PDB file of all heavy atoms in Angstrom:
ATOM      1  N   LYS A   1      15.125  -8.229   3.036  1.00  0.00           N
ATOM      2  CA  LYS A   1      15.761  -9.340   2.332  1.00  0.00           C
ATOM      3  C   LYS A   1      16.075  -8.969   0.883  1.00  0.00           C
ATOM      4  O   LYS A   1      17.000  -9.507   0.280  1.00  0.00           O
ATOM      5  CB  LYS A   1      14.851 -10.580   2.369  1.00  0.00           C
ATOM      6  CG  LYS A   1      14.695 -11.202   3.752  1.00  0.00           C
ATOM      7  CD  LYS A   1      13.729 -12.376   3.688  1.00  0.00           C
ATOM      8  CE  LYS A   1      13.499 -12.967   5.080  1.00  0.00           C
ATOM      9  NZ  LYS A   1      12.524 -14.093   5.032  1.00  0.00           N
ATOM     10  N   LYS A   2      15.287  -8.051   0.356  1.00  0.00           N
ATOM     11  CA  LYS A   2      15.477  -7.613  -1.033  1.00  0.00           C
ATOM     12  C   LYS A   2      16.201  -6.271  -1.095  1.00  0.00           C
ATOM     13  O   LYS A   2      16.236  -5.610  -2.138  1.00  0.00           O
ATOM     14  CB  LYS A   2      14.117  -7.506  -1.726  1.00  0.00           C
ATOM     15  CG  LYS A   2      13.337  -8.813  -1.781  1.00  0.00           C
ATOM     16  CD  LYS A   2      11.983  -8.609  -2.415  1.00  0.00           C
ATOM     17  CE  LYS A   2      11.227  -9.932  -2.583  1.00  0.00           C
ATOM     18  NZ  LYS A   2      10.993 -10.622  -1.324  1.00  0.00           N
ATOM     19  N   ASN A   3      16.758  -5.848   0.077  1.00  0.00           N
ATOM     20  CA  ASN A   3      17.473  -4.575   0.167  1.00  0.00           C
ATOM     21  C   ASN A   3      16.576  -3.395  -0.222  1.00  0.00           C
ATOM     22  O   ASN A   3      17.002  -2.448  -0.896  1.00  0.00           O
ATOM     23  CB  ASN A   3      18.735  -4.574  -0.709  1.00  0.00           C
ATOM     24  CG  ASN A   3      19.798  -5.512  -0.171  1.00  0.00           C
ATOM     25  OD1 ASN A   3      20.011  -5.577   1.046  1.00  0.00           O
ATOM     26  ND2 ASN A   3      20.465  -6.234  -1.053  1.00  0.00           N
ATOM     27  N   ILE A   4      15.304  -3.476   0.204  1.00  0.00           N
ATOM     28  CA  ILE A   4      14.354  -2.399  -0.052  1.00  0.00           C
ATOM     29  C   ILE A   4      14.032  -1.719   1.272  1.00  0.00           C
ATOM     30  O   ILE A   4      13.640  -2.369   2.235  1.00  0.00           O
ATOM     31  CB  ILE A   4      13.054  -2.928  -0.695  1.00  0.00           C
ATOM     32  CG1 ILE A   4      13.363  -3.603  -2.041  1.00  0.00           C
ATOM     33  CG2 ILE A   4      12.046  -1.799  -0.884  1.00  0.00           C
ATOM     34  CD1 ILE A   4      12.158  -4.280  -2.666  1.00  0.00           C
ATOM     35  N   PHE A   5      14.225  -0.414   1.343  1.00  0.00           N
ATOM     36  CA  PHE A   5      13.967   0.335   2.560  1.00  0.00           C
ATOM     37  C   PHE A   5      12.995   1.470   2.240  1.00  0.00           C
ATOM     38  O   PHE A   5      13.202   2.235   1.302  1.00  0.00           O
ATOM     39  CB  PHE A   5      15.277   0.900   3.135  1.00  0.00           C
ATOM     40  CG  PHE A   5      16.267  -0.171   3.480  1.00  0.00           C
ATOM     41  CD1 PHE A   5      17.186  -0.610   2.538  1.00  0.00           C
ATOM     42  CD2 PHE A   5      16.269  -0.757   4.733  1.00  0.00           C
ATOM     43  CE1 PHE A   5      18.097  -1.615   2.848  1.00  0.00           C
ATOM     44  CE2 PHE A   5      17.172  -1.757   5.045  1.00  0.00           C
ATOM     45  CZ  PHE A   5      18.091  -2.185   4.109  1.00  0.00           C
ATOM     46  N   LEU A   6      11.924   1.543   3.015  1.00  0.00           N
ATOM     47  CA  LEU A   6      10.868   2.513   2.741  1.00  0.00           C
ATOM     48  C   LEU A   6      10.947   3.694   3.694  1.00  0.00           C
ATOM     49  O   LEU A   6      11.224   3.538   4.882  1.00  0.00           O
ATOM     50  CB  LEU A   6       9.488   1.851   2.878  1.00  0.00           C
ATOM     51  CG  LEU A   6       9.205   0.659   1.959  1.00  0.00           C
ATOM     52  CD1 LEU A   6       7.793   0.150   2.206  1.00  0.00           C
ATOM     53  CD2 LEU A   6       9.384   1.041   0.498  1.00  0.00           C
ATOM     54  N   SER A   7      10.678   4.875   3.160  1.00  0.00           N
ATOM     55  CA  SER A   7      10.572   6.070   3.985  1.00  0.00           C
ATOM     56  C   SER A   7       9.199   6.098   4.644  1.00  0.00           C
ATOM     57  O   SER A   7       8.318   5.290   4.326  1.00  0.00           O
ATOM     58  CB  SER A   7      10.747   7.320   3.120  1.00  0.00           C
ATOM     59  OG  SER A   7       9.665   7.437   2.207  1.00  0.00           O
ATOM     60  N   ASP A   8       8.989   7.054   5.572  1.00  0.00           N
ATOM     61  CA  ASP A   8       7.691   7.177   6.231  1.00  0.00           C
ATOM     62  C   ASP A   8       6.583   7.396   5.205  1.00  0.00           C
ATOM     63  O   ASP A   8       5.504   6.808   5.302  1.00  0.00           O
ATOM     64  CB  ASP A   8       7.716   8.351   7.222  1.00  0.00           C
ATOM     65  CG  ASP A   8       8.552   8.044   8.451  1.00  0.00           C
ATOM     66  OD1 ASP A   8       8.915   6.861   8.634  1.00  0.00           O
ATOM     67  OD2 ASP A   8       8.835   8.974   9.218  1.00  0.00           O
ATOM     68  N   ASP A   9       6.840   8.267   4.220  1.00  0.00           N
ATOM     69  CA  ASP A   9       5.830   8.535   3.194  1.00  0.00           C
ATOM     70  C   ASP A   9       5.500   7.283   2.394  1.00  0.00           C
ATOM     71  O   ASP A   9       4.344   7.033   2.043  1.00  0.00           O
ATOM     72  CB  ASP A   9       6.314   9.637   2.248  1.00  0.00           C
ATOM     73  CG  ASP A   9       6.317  10.999   2.925  1.00  0.00           C
ATOM     74  OD1 ASP A   9       5.612  11.146   3.943  1.00  0.00           O
ATOM     75  OD2 ASP A   9       7.030  11.892   2.439  1.00  0.00           O
ATOM     76  N   GLN A  10       6.531   6.469   2.119  1.00  0.00           N
ATOM     77  CA  GLN A  10       6.308   5.250   1.334  1.00  0.00           C
ATOM     78  C   GLN A  10       5.492   4.225   2.127  1.00  0.00           C
ATOM     79  O   GLN A  10       4.673   3.504   1.556  1.00  0.00           O
ATOM     80  CB  GLN A  10       7.648   4.657   0.904  1.00  0.00           C
ATOM     81  CG  GLN A  10       8.347   5.472  -0.180  1.00  0.00           C
ATOM     82  CD  GLN A  10       9.749   5.002  -0.451  1.00  0.00           C
ATOM     83  OE1 GLN A  10      10.496   4.654   0.470  1.00  0.00           O
ATOM     84  NE2 GLN A  10      10.130   4.981  -1.724  1.00  0.00           N
ATOM     85  N   TRP A  11       5.709   4.152   3.452  1.00  0.00           N
ATOM     86  CA  TRP A  11       4.903   3.251   4.290  1.00  0.00           C
ATOM     87  C   TRP A  11       3.440   3.679   4.248  1.00  0.00           C
ATOM     88  O   TRP A  11       2.530   2.851   4.158  1.00  0.00           O
ATOM     89  CB  TRP A  11       5.410   3.258   5.731  1.00  0.00           C
ATOM     90  CG  TRP A  11       6.473   2.251   5.994  1.00  0.00           C
ATOM     91  CD1 TRP A  11       7.796   2.477   6.216  1.00  0.00           C
ATOM     92  CD2 TRP A  11       6.312   0.829   6.044  1.00  0.00           C
ATOM     93  NE1 TRP A  11       8.466   1.296   6.405  1.00  0.00           N
ATOM     94  CE2 TRP A  11       7.586   0.271   6.310  1.00  0.00           C
ATOM     95  CE3 TRP A  11       5.233  -0.038   5.893  1.00  0.00           C
ATOM     96  CZ2 TRP A  11       7.800  -1.101   6.430  1.00  0.00           C
ATOM     97  CZ3 TRP A  11       5.438  -1.400   6.016  1.00  0.00           C
ATOM     98  CH2 TRP A  11       6.706  -1.912   6.281  1.00  0.00           C
ATOM     99  N   ASN A  12       3.199   4.986   4.314  1.00  0.00           N
ATOM    100  CA  ASN A  12       1.828   5.484   4.261  1.00  0.00           C
ATOM    101  C   ASN A  12       1.195   5.171   2.910  1.00  0.00           C
ATOM    102  O   ASN A  12      -0.001   4.870   2.828  1.00  0.00           O
ATOM    103  CB  ASN A  12       1.813   6.991   4.526  1.00  0.00           C
ATOM    104  CG  ASN A  12       2.182   7.327   5.956  1.00  0.00           C
ATOM    105  OD1 ASN A  12       1.964   6.523   6.855  1.00  0.00           O
ATOM    106  ND2 ASN A  12       2.754   8.504   6.171  1.00  0.00           N
ATOM    107  N   ILE A  13       1.983   5.260   1.841  1.00  0.00           N
ATOM    108  CA  ILE A  13       1.486   4.907   0.512  1.00  0.00           C
ATOM    109  C   ILE A  13       1.110   3.433   0.464  1.00  0.00           C
ATOM    110  O   ILE A  13       0.098   3.041  -0.122  1.00  0.00           O
ATOM    111  CB  ILE A  13       2.548   5.238  -0.558  1.00  0.00           C
ATOM    112  CG1 ILE A  13       2.703   6.757  -0.696  1.00  0.00           C
ATOM    113  CG2 ILE A  13       2.162   4.623  -1.917  1.00  0.00           C
ATOM    114  CD1 ILE A  13       3.841   7.180  -1.594  1.00  0.00           C
ATOM    115  N   LEU A  14       1.916   2.573   1.137  1.00  0.00           N
ATOM    116  CA  LEU A  14       1.640   1.140   1.161  1.00  0.00           C
ATOM    117  C   LEU A  14       0.293   0.860   1.813  1.00  0.00           C
ATOM    118  O   LEU A  14      -0.485   0.033   1.329  1.00  0.00           O
ATOM    119  CB  LEU A  14       2.763   0.411   1.911  1.00  0.00           C
ATOM    120  CG  LEU A  14       2.840  -1.111   1.753  1.00  0.00           C
ATOM    121  CD1 LEU A  14       3.058  -1.490   0.305  1.00  0.00           C
ATOM    122  CD2 LEU A  14       3.960  -1.672   2.621  1.00  0.00           C
ATOM    123  N   LEU A  15       0.004   1.535   2.915  1.00  0.00           N
ATOM    124  CA  LEU A  15      -1.292   1.373   3.573  1.00  0.00           C
ATOM    125  C   LEU A  15      -2.411   1.877   2.669  1.00  0.00           C
ATOM    126  O   LEU A  15      -3.470   1.255   2.569  1.00  0.00           O
ATOM    127  CB  LEU A  15      -1.306   2.121   4.907  1.00  0.00           C
ATOM    128  CG  LEU A  15      -2.631   2.057   5.695  1.00  0.00           C
ATOM    129  CD1 LEU A  15      -2.994   0.609   6.016  1.00  0.00           C
ATOM    130  CD2 LEU A  15      -2.543   2.894   6.954  1.00  0.00           C
ATOM    131  N   ASP A  16      -2.170   2.994   1.997  1.00  0.00           N
ATOM    132  CA  ASP A  16      -3.179   3.523   1.072  1.00  0.00           C
ATOM    133  C   ASP A  16      -3.450   2.533  -0.064  1.00  0.00           C
ATOM    134  O   ASP A  16      -4.590   2.379  -0.502  1.00  0.00           O
ATOM    135  CB  ASP A  16      -2.711   4.858   0.493  1.00  0.00           C
ATOM    136  CG  ASP A  16      -2.742   5.980   1.531  1.00  0.00           C
ATOM    137  OD1 ASP A  16      -3.447   5.807   2.545  1.00  0.00           O
ATOM    138  OD2 ASP A  16      -2.056   6.994   1.332  1.00  0.00           O
ATOM    139  N   GLU A  17      -2.391   1.863  -0.537  1.00  0.00           N
ATOM    140  CA  GLU A  17      -2.560   0.873  -1.603  1.00  0.00           C
ATOM    141  C   GLU A  17      -3.385  -0.315  -1.116  1.00  0.00           C
ATOM    142  O   GLU A  17      -4.202  -0.869  -1.859  1.00  0.00           O
ATOM    143  CB  GLU A  17      -1.192   0.413  -2.108  1.00  0.00           C
ATOM    144  CG  GLU A  17      -0.442   1.464  -2.915  1.00  0.00           C
ATOM    145  CD  GLU A  17       0.918   0.984  -3.366  1.00  0.00           C
ATOM    146  OE1 GLU A  17       1.387  -0.059  -2.863  1.00  0.00           O
ATOM    147  OE2 GLU A  17       1.529   1.656  -4.228  1.00  0.00           O
ATOM    148  N   TYR A  18      -3.160  -0.718   0.139  1.00  0.00           N
ATOM    149  CA  TYR A  18      -3.931  -1.813   0.729  1.00  0.00           C
ATOM    150  C   TYR A  18      -5.412  -1.449   0.757  1.00  0.00           C
ATOM    151  O   TYR A  18      -6.273  -2.246   0.359  1.00  0.00           O
ATOM    152  CB  TYR A  18      -3.410  -2.095   2.137  1.00  0.00           C
ATOM    153  CG  TYR A  18      -4.229  -3.086   2.920  1.00  0.00           C
ATOM    154  CD1 TYR A  18      -4.134  -4.452   2.662  1.00  0.00           C
ATOM    155  CD2 TYR A  18      -5.100  -2.667   3.928  1.00  0.00           C
ATOM    156  CE1 TYR A  18      -4.890  -5.368   3.386  1.00  0.00           C
ATOM    157  CE2 TYR A  18      -5.847  -3.579   4.643  1.00  0.00           C
ATOM    158  CZ  TYR A  18      -5.730  -4.923   4.374  1.00  0.00           C
ATOM    159  OH  TYR A  18      -6.484  -5.819   5.091  1.00  0.00           O
ATOM    160  N   LYS A  19      -5.705  -0.238   1.198  1.00  0.00           N
ATOM    161  CA  LYS A  19      -7.098   0.202   1.263  1.00  0.00           C
ATOM    162  C   LYS A  19      -7.682   0.369  -0.142  1.00  0.00           C
ATOM    163  O   LYS A  19      -8.878   0.135  -0.351  1.00  0.00           O
ATOM    164  CB  LYS A  19      -7.198   1.509   2.059  1.00  0.00           C
ATOM    165  CG  LYS A  19      -6.906   1.317   3.544  1.00  0.00           C
ATOM    166  CD  LYS A  19      -7.236   2.536   4.373  1.00  0.00           C
ATOM    167  CE  LYS A  19      -6.220   3.619   4.208  1.00  0.00           C
ATOM    168  NZ  LYS A  19      -6.437   4.731   5.174  1.00  0.00           N
ATOM    169  N   ALA A  20      -6.840   0.750  -1.088  1.00  0.00           N
ATOM    170  CA  ALA A  20      -7.310   0.880  -2.474  1.00  0.00           C
ATOM    171  C   ALA A  20      -7.700  -0.485  -3.043  1.00  0.00           C
ATOM    172  O   ALA A  20      -8.674  -0.589  -3.799  1.00  0.00           O
ATOM    173  CB  ALA A  20      -6.230   1.524  -3.338  1.00  0.00           C
ATOM    174  N   LYS A  21      -6.947  -1.535  -2.677  1.00  0.00           N
ATOM    175  CA  LYS A  21      -7.272  -2.882  -3.143  1.00  0.00           C
ATOM    176  C   LYS A  21      -8.629  -3.329  -2.590  1.00  0.00           C
ATOM    177  O   LYS A  21      -9.427  -3.967  -3.292  1.00  0.00           O
ATOM    178  CB  LYS A  21      -6.182  -3.869  -2.723  1.00  0.00           C
ATOM    179  CG  LYS A  21      -4.851  -3.684  -3.424  1.00  0.00           C
ATOM    180  CD  LYS A  21      -4.983  -3.894  -4.928  1.00  0.00           C
ATOM    181  CE  LYS A  21      -3.637  -3.758  -5.612  1.00  0.00           C
ATOM    182  NZ  LYS A  21      -3.760  -3.907  -7.100  1.00  0.00           N
ATOM    183  N   ILE A  22      -8.898  -2.989  -1.339  1.00  0.00           N
ATOM    184  CA  ILE A  22     -10.187  -3.333  -0.753  1.00  0.00           C
ATOM    185  C   ILE A  22     -11.306  -2.566  -1.454  1.00  0.00           C
ATOM    186  O   ILE A  22     -12.393  -3.110  -1.701  1.00  0.00           O
ATOM    187  CB  ILE A  22     -10.182  -3.038   0.758  1.00  0.00           C
ATOM    188  CG1 ILE A  22      -9.254  -4.021   1.478  1.00  0.00           C
ATOM    189  CG2 ILE A  22     -11.590  -3.112   1.349  1.00  0.00           C
ATOM    190  CD1 ILE A  22      -9.165  -3.844   2.962  1.00  0.00           C
ATOM    191  N   ALA A  23     -11.024  -1.325  -1.792  1.00  0.00           N
ATOM    192  CA  ALA A  23     -12.020  -0.526  -2.531  1.00  0.00           C
ATOM    193  C   ALA A  23     -12.317  -1.157  -3.884  1.00  0.00           C
ATOM    194  O   ALA A  23     -13.473  -1.154  -4.346  1.00  0.00           O
ATOM    195  CB  ALA A  23     -11.514   0.902  -2.702  1.00  0.00           C
ATOM    196  N   GLU A  24     -11.286  -1.714  -4.531  1.00  0.00           N
ATOM    197  CA  GLU A  24     -11.483  -2.393  -5.810  1.00  0.00           C
ATOM    198  C   GLU A  24     -12.367  -3.631  -5.642  1.00  0.00           C
ATOM    199  O   GLU A  24     -13.227  -3.911  -6.485  1.00  0.00           O
ATOM    200  CB  GLU A  24     -10.129  -2.801  -6.397  1.00  0.00           C
ATOM    201  CG  GLU A  24      -9.300  -1.639  -6.917  1.00  0.00           C
ATOM    202  CD  GLU A  24      -7.977  -2.096  -7.484  1.00  0.00           C
ATOM    203  OE1 GLU A  24      -7.818  -3.313  -7.740  1.00  0.00           O
ATOM    204  OE2 GLU A  24      -7.082  -1.251  -7.670  1.00  0.00           O
ATOM    205  N   LEU A  25     -12.136  -4.363  -4.550  1.00  0.00           N
ATOM    206  CA  LEU A  25     -12.971  -5.537  -4.280  1.00  0.00           C
ATOM    207  C   LEU A  25     -14.425  -5.133  -4.102  1.00  0.00           C
ATOM    208  O   LEU A  25     -15.340  -5.782  -4.630  1.00  0.00           O
ATOM    209  CB  LEU A  25     -12.469  -6.256  -3.027  1.00  0.00           C
ATOM    210  CG  LEU A  25     -11.148  -7.007  -3.128  1.00  0.00           C
ATOM    211  CD1 LEU A  25     -10.711  -7.517  -1.755  1.00  0.00           C
ATOM    212  CD2 LEU A  25     -11.274  -8.178  -4.096  1.00  0.00           C
ATOM    213  N   ARG A  26     -14.663  -4.057  -3.368  1.00  0.00           N
ATOM    214  CA  ARG A  26     -16.035  -3.611  -3.121  1.00  0.00           C
ATOM    215  C   ARG A  26     -16.675  -3.049  -4.382  1.00  0.00           C
ATOM    216  O   ARG A  26     -17.898  -3.095  -4.540  1.00  0.00           O
ATOM    217  CB  ARG A  26     -16.050  -2.582  -1.983  1.00  0.00           C
ATOM    218  CG  ARG A  26     -15.710  -3.195  -0.629  1.00  0.00           C
ATOM    219  CD  ARG A  26     -16.214  -2.347   0.524  1.00  0.00           C
ATOM    220  NE  ARG A  26     -16.114  -3.081   1.782  1.00  0.00           N
ATOM    221  CZ  ARG A  26     -15.242  -2.827   2.740  1.00  0.00           C
ATOM    222  NH1 ARG A  26     -14.372  -1.837   2.590  1.00  0.00           N
ATOM    223  NH2 ARG A  26     -15.205  -3.546   3.848  1.00  0.00           N
ATOM    224  N   ALA A  27     -15.843  -2.501  -5.261  1.00  0.00           N
ATOM    225  CA  ALA A  27     -16.379  -2.008  -6.523  1.00  0.00           C
ATOM    226  C   ALA A  27     -16.829  -3.170  -7.405  1.00  0.00           C
ATOM    227  O   ALA A  27     -17.822  -3.071  -8.133  1.00  0.00           O
ATOM    228  CB  ALA A  27     -15.321  -1.176  -7.248  1.00  0.00           C
ATOM    229  N   ALA A  28     -16.094  -4.291  -7.296  1.00  0.00           N
ATOM    230  CA  ALA A  28     -16.443  -5.480  -8.081  1.00  0.00           C
ATOM    231  C   ALA A  28     -17.622  -6.221  -7.462  1.00  0.00           C
ATOM    232  O   ALA A  28     -18.455  -6.794  -8.171  1.00  0.00           O
ATOM    233  CB  ALA A  28     -15.240  -6.416  -8.183  1.00  0.00           C
TER     234      ALA A  28
END
């Protein structure tokens, strides 16, 4: 909808960012 298209590497980065957010929660 925002004309944003992700490559395979970018999708993997998105998952890594999700897991990084959970790591931040556990750190807090």
